[in-house]
Amino acid sequence: MRTVRQLIPTGLLTAGLVLLAGACQPAAPNHEAALRPAVDAIREAWNAGNMDGLDAHFSADVMRRAPGAAVPSQGLDGLKAVITQFRTAYPDFRIVFDDVWYTENNAFARWTVTGTNTGPGETPPTGKAITISGLTRLQYENGMAVMEDVYFDTMGWLQQLGYTVSPPTM
């Protein structure tokens, strides 16, 4: 009886073993499957005002840090309040996640926001439309989002609303 080595040339046998060995490697963890529901929930909250999904995917103690905020928002109620305030000031608020990347305990989203400042907010409405791009990092512990770090050009946003900067007087 002939052996496998006698039937298959050495080069093909080696290549086949390499392919077989590669097929036996454990699959990389699918971080997206575990973390995407929180990303989808926050997108739904910002775009539609539907906060229901946040409860299932965000810790009650979640913290949100963003430029221009004097202090981070604390807790799930604080996060919901921030979303509600923006959606009130920008009734046509829309966020599009241009790219989302997932790692073991983080989701990173590159996004674009559009809206028109026609509603009441911290300042009187300007009636002007804005387009802002930025990044968000959601950090997770035990499957729940515990931190949202937001990065965007605050000055560019304010300039789109018609605000100007004056140099300090000397």
Protein backbone atom coordinates (compact mmCIF):
# COMPACT_ATOMS: atom_id res chain seq x y z
CA MET A 1 0.00 0.00 0.00
CA ARG A 2 1.30 3.43 -0.87
CA THR A 3 1.59 6.26 1.69
CA VAL A 4 0.24 9.75 1.24
CA ARG A 5 3.82 10.93 0.74
CA GLN A 6 4.22 8.56 -2.21
CA LEU A 7 0.97 9.70 -3.84
CA ILE A 8 1.31 13.47 -3.37
CA PRO A 9 4.43 15.41 -4.34
CA THR A 10 6.24 16.92 -1.33
CA GLY A 11 5.48 20.55 -2.26
CA LEU A 12 1.74 19.88 -2.48
CA LEU A 13 1.77 17.88 0.73
CA THR A 14 3.49 20.72 2.58
CA ALA A 15 1.08 23.31 1.16
CA GLY A 16 -1.89 21.12 2.11
CA LEU A 17 -0.65 20.74 5.68
CA VAL A 18 -0.14 24.50 5.95
CA LEU A 19 -3.70 25.09 4.70
CA LEU A 20 -5.04 22.45 7.07
CA ALA A 21 -3.11 23.96 9.99
CA GLY A 22 -4.44 27.42 9.10
CA ALA A 23 -8.00 26.10 9.00
CA CYS A 24 -7.60 24.70 12.51
CA GLN A 25 -6.69 28.04 14.09
CA PRO A 26 -9.29 29.43 16.48
CA ALA A 27 -11.42 32.15 14.95
CA ALA A 28 -10.70 35.73 15.96
CA PRO A 29 -13.24 37.02 18.44
CA ASN A 30 -16.14 38.86 16.85
CA HIS A 31 -16.08 42.07 18.86
CA GLU A 32 -18.58 43.72 16.52
CA ALA A 33 -21.31 41.22 17.36
CA ALA A 34 -20.94 41.94 21.06
CA LEU A 35 -20.53 45.73 20.90
CA ARG A 36 -22.63 46.82 17.93
CA PRO A 37 -25.99 46.82 19.79
CA ALA A 38 -24.82 49.76 21.92
CA VAL A 39 -23.62 51.61 18.81
CA ASP A 40 -26.99 51.00 17.14
CA ALA A 41 -28.82 52.11 20.31
CA ILE A 42 -26.97 55.42 20.55
CA ARG A 43 -27.48 56.11 16.84
CA GLU A 44 -31.22 55.45 17.28
CA ALA A 45 -31.34 57.74 20.32
CA TRP A 46 -29.62 60.61 18.50
CA ASN A 47 -31.54 60.24 15.22
CA ALA A 48 -35.03 59.33 16.40
CA GLY A 49 -35.04 60.33 20.06
CA ASN A 50 -35.74 56.70 20.96
CA MET A 51 -33.87 56.22 24.24
CA ASP A 52 -35.29 52.75 25.04
CA GLY A 53 -32.27 50.85 23.68
CA LEU A 54 -29.83 52.80 25.83
CA ASP A 55 -31.04 51.12 29.04
CA ALA A 56 -30.07 47.67 27.79
CA HIS A 57 -26.60 48.60 26.51
CA PHE A 58 -25.33 51.51 28.63
CA SER A 59 -24.33 51.36 32.27
CA ALA A 60 -26.44 53.38 34.70
CA ASP A 61 -23.14 55.10 35.60
CA VAL A 62 -22.04 55.88 32.02
CA MET A 63 -19.96 59.04 31.66
CA ARG A 64 -19.89 61.23 28.54
CA ARG A 65 -17.00 63.59 27.85
CA ALA A 66 -17.22 66.09 24.99
CA PRO A 67 -15.56 69.36 23.97
CA GLY A 68 -17.21 72.44 25.35
CA ALA A 69 -18.86 70.61 28.24
CA ALA A 70 -17.73 72.17 31.51
CA VAL A 71 -18.11 68.79 33.23
CA PRO A 72 -18.80 65.32 31.82
CA SER A 73 -22.40 64.18 31.86
CA GLN A 74 -22.86 61.60 34.58
CA GLY A 75 -25.11 58.59 34.38
CA LEU A 76 -27.59 57.31 31.88
CA ASP A 77 -30.05 60.09 32.73
CA GLY A 78 -27.32 62.66 32.01
CA LEU A 79 -26.61 61.08 28.62
CA LYS A 80 -30.30 61.09 27.77
CA ALA A 81 -30.55 64.75 28.82
CA VAL A 82 -27.67 65.73 26.49
CA ILE A 83 -29.32 63.93 23.58
CA THR A 84 -32.68 65.56 24.33
CA GLN A 85 -31.10 69.04 24.57
CA PHE A 86 -29.37 68.68 21.19
CA ARG A 87 -32.47 67.24 19.54
CA THR A 88 -34.49 70.19 20.91
CA ALA A 89 -32.02 72.80 19.63
CA TYR A 90 -31.62 70.94 16.30
CA PRO A 91 -35.00 69.31 15.55
CA ASP A 92 -33.68 67.87 12.26
CA PHE A 93 -30.53 66.50 13.95
CA ARG A 94 -29.04 63.60 12.00
CA ILE A 95 -25.92 61.56 12.70
CA VAL A 96 -24.40 59.21 10.14
CA PHE A 97 -21.70 56.79 11.25
CA ASP A 98 -19.26 56.92 8.35
CA ASP A 99 -17.01 54.19 9.80
CA VAL A 100 -17.14 52.04 12.93
CA TRP A 101 -14.27 49.91 14.26
CA TYR A 102 -14.48 47.41 17.11
CA THR A 103 -11.80 46.15 19.47
CA GLU A 104 -12.10 44.00 22.57
CA ASN A 105 -13.67 46.64 24.83
CA ASN A 106 -14.08 49.65 22.55
CA ALA A 107 -16.08 50.83 19.58
CA PHE A 108 -14.74 53.77 17.58
CA ALA A 109 -17.05 55.68 15.26
CA ARG A 110 -16.21 58.37 12.72
CA TRP A 111 -19.38 60.34 12.17
CA THR A 112 -20.98 63.32 10.45
CA VAL A 113 -23.76 65.35 12.06
CA THR A 114 -26.13 67.69 10.25
CA GLY A 115 -28.88 69.85 11.66
CA THR A 116 -30.45 73.27 11.72
CA ASN A 117 -30.41 75.31 14.92
CA THR A 118 -34.08 76.31 15.03
CA GLY A 119 -35.07 75.20 18.54
CA PRO A 120 -34.37 76.57 21.99
CA GLY A 121 -31.12 75.62 23.67
CA GLU A 122 -28.37 77.12 25.79
CA THR A 123 -28.29 80.05 23.35
CA PRO A 124 -31.04 81.55 21.16
CA PRO A 125 -31.58 79.67 17.88
CA THR A 126 -29.63 81.03 14.92
CA GLY A 127 -31.63 79.34 12.16
CA LYS A 128 -28.34 78.22 10.62
CA ALA A 129 -27.49 74.74 9.35
CA ILE A 130 -24.40 72.90 10.55
CA THR A 131 -22.32 69.97 9.33
CA ILE A 132 -19.80 68.61 11.82
CA SER A 133 -17.50 65.62 11.62
CA GLY A 134 -16.04 63.92 14.66
CA LEU A 135 -15.07 60.76 16.46
CA THR A 136 -16.59 58.86 19.33
CA ARG A 137 -15.08 56.11 21.45
CA LEU A 138 -17.41 53.91 23.45
CA GLN A 139 -15.63 51.99 26.20
CA TYR A 140 -17.22 48.81 27.53
CA GLU A 141 -17.01 46.80 30.73
CA ASN A 142 -18.87 43.52 31.12
CA GLY A 143 -20.70 44.14 27.84
CA MET A 144 -22.09 47.55 28.85
CA ALA A 145 -20.94 50.95 27.56
CA VAL A 146 -19.44 52.81 30.53
CA MET A 147 -17.76 55.79 28.81
CA GLU A 148 -18.41 57.87 25.74
CA ASP A 149 -15.57 60.13 24.63
CA VAL A 150 -16.56 62.56 21.86
CA TYR A 151 -14.14 64.60 19.76
CA PHE A 152 -15.08 67.31 17.25
CA ASP A 153 -14.19 70.86 16.18
CA THR A 154 -16.19 73.07 18.54
CA MET A 155 -14.89 76.28 16.95
CA GLY A 156 -15.95 75.13 13.48
CA TRP A 157 -19.42 74.34 14.83
CA LEU A 158 -19.77 77.77 16.46
CA GLN A 159 -18.54 79.53 13.31
CA GLN A 160 -21.22 77.72 11.27
CA LEU A 161 -23.77 79.13 13.70
CA GLY A 162 -22.41 82.65 13.06
CA TYR A 163 -20.28 83.14 16.15
CA THR A 164 -16.96 84.93 15.80
CA VAL A 165 -13.83 85.12 17.88
CA SER A 166 -12.31 88.45 18.79
CA PRO A 167 -8.70 88.77 19.86
CA PRO A 168 -8.15 89.73 23.46
CA THR A 169 -7.56 93.39 24.22
CA MET A 170 -4.07 94.18 25.40
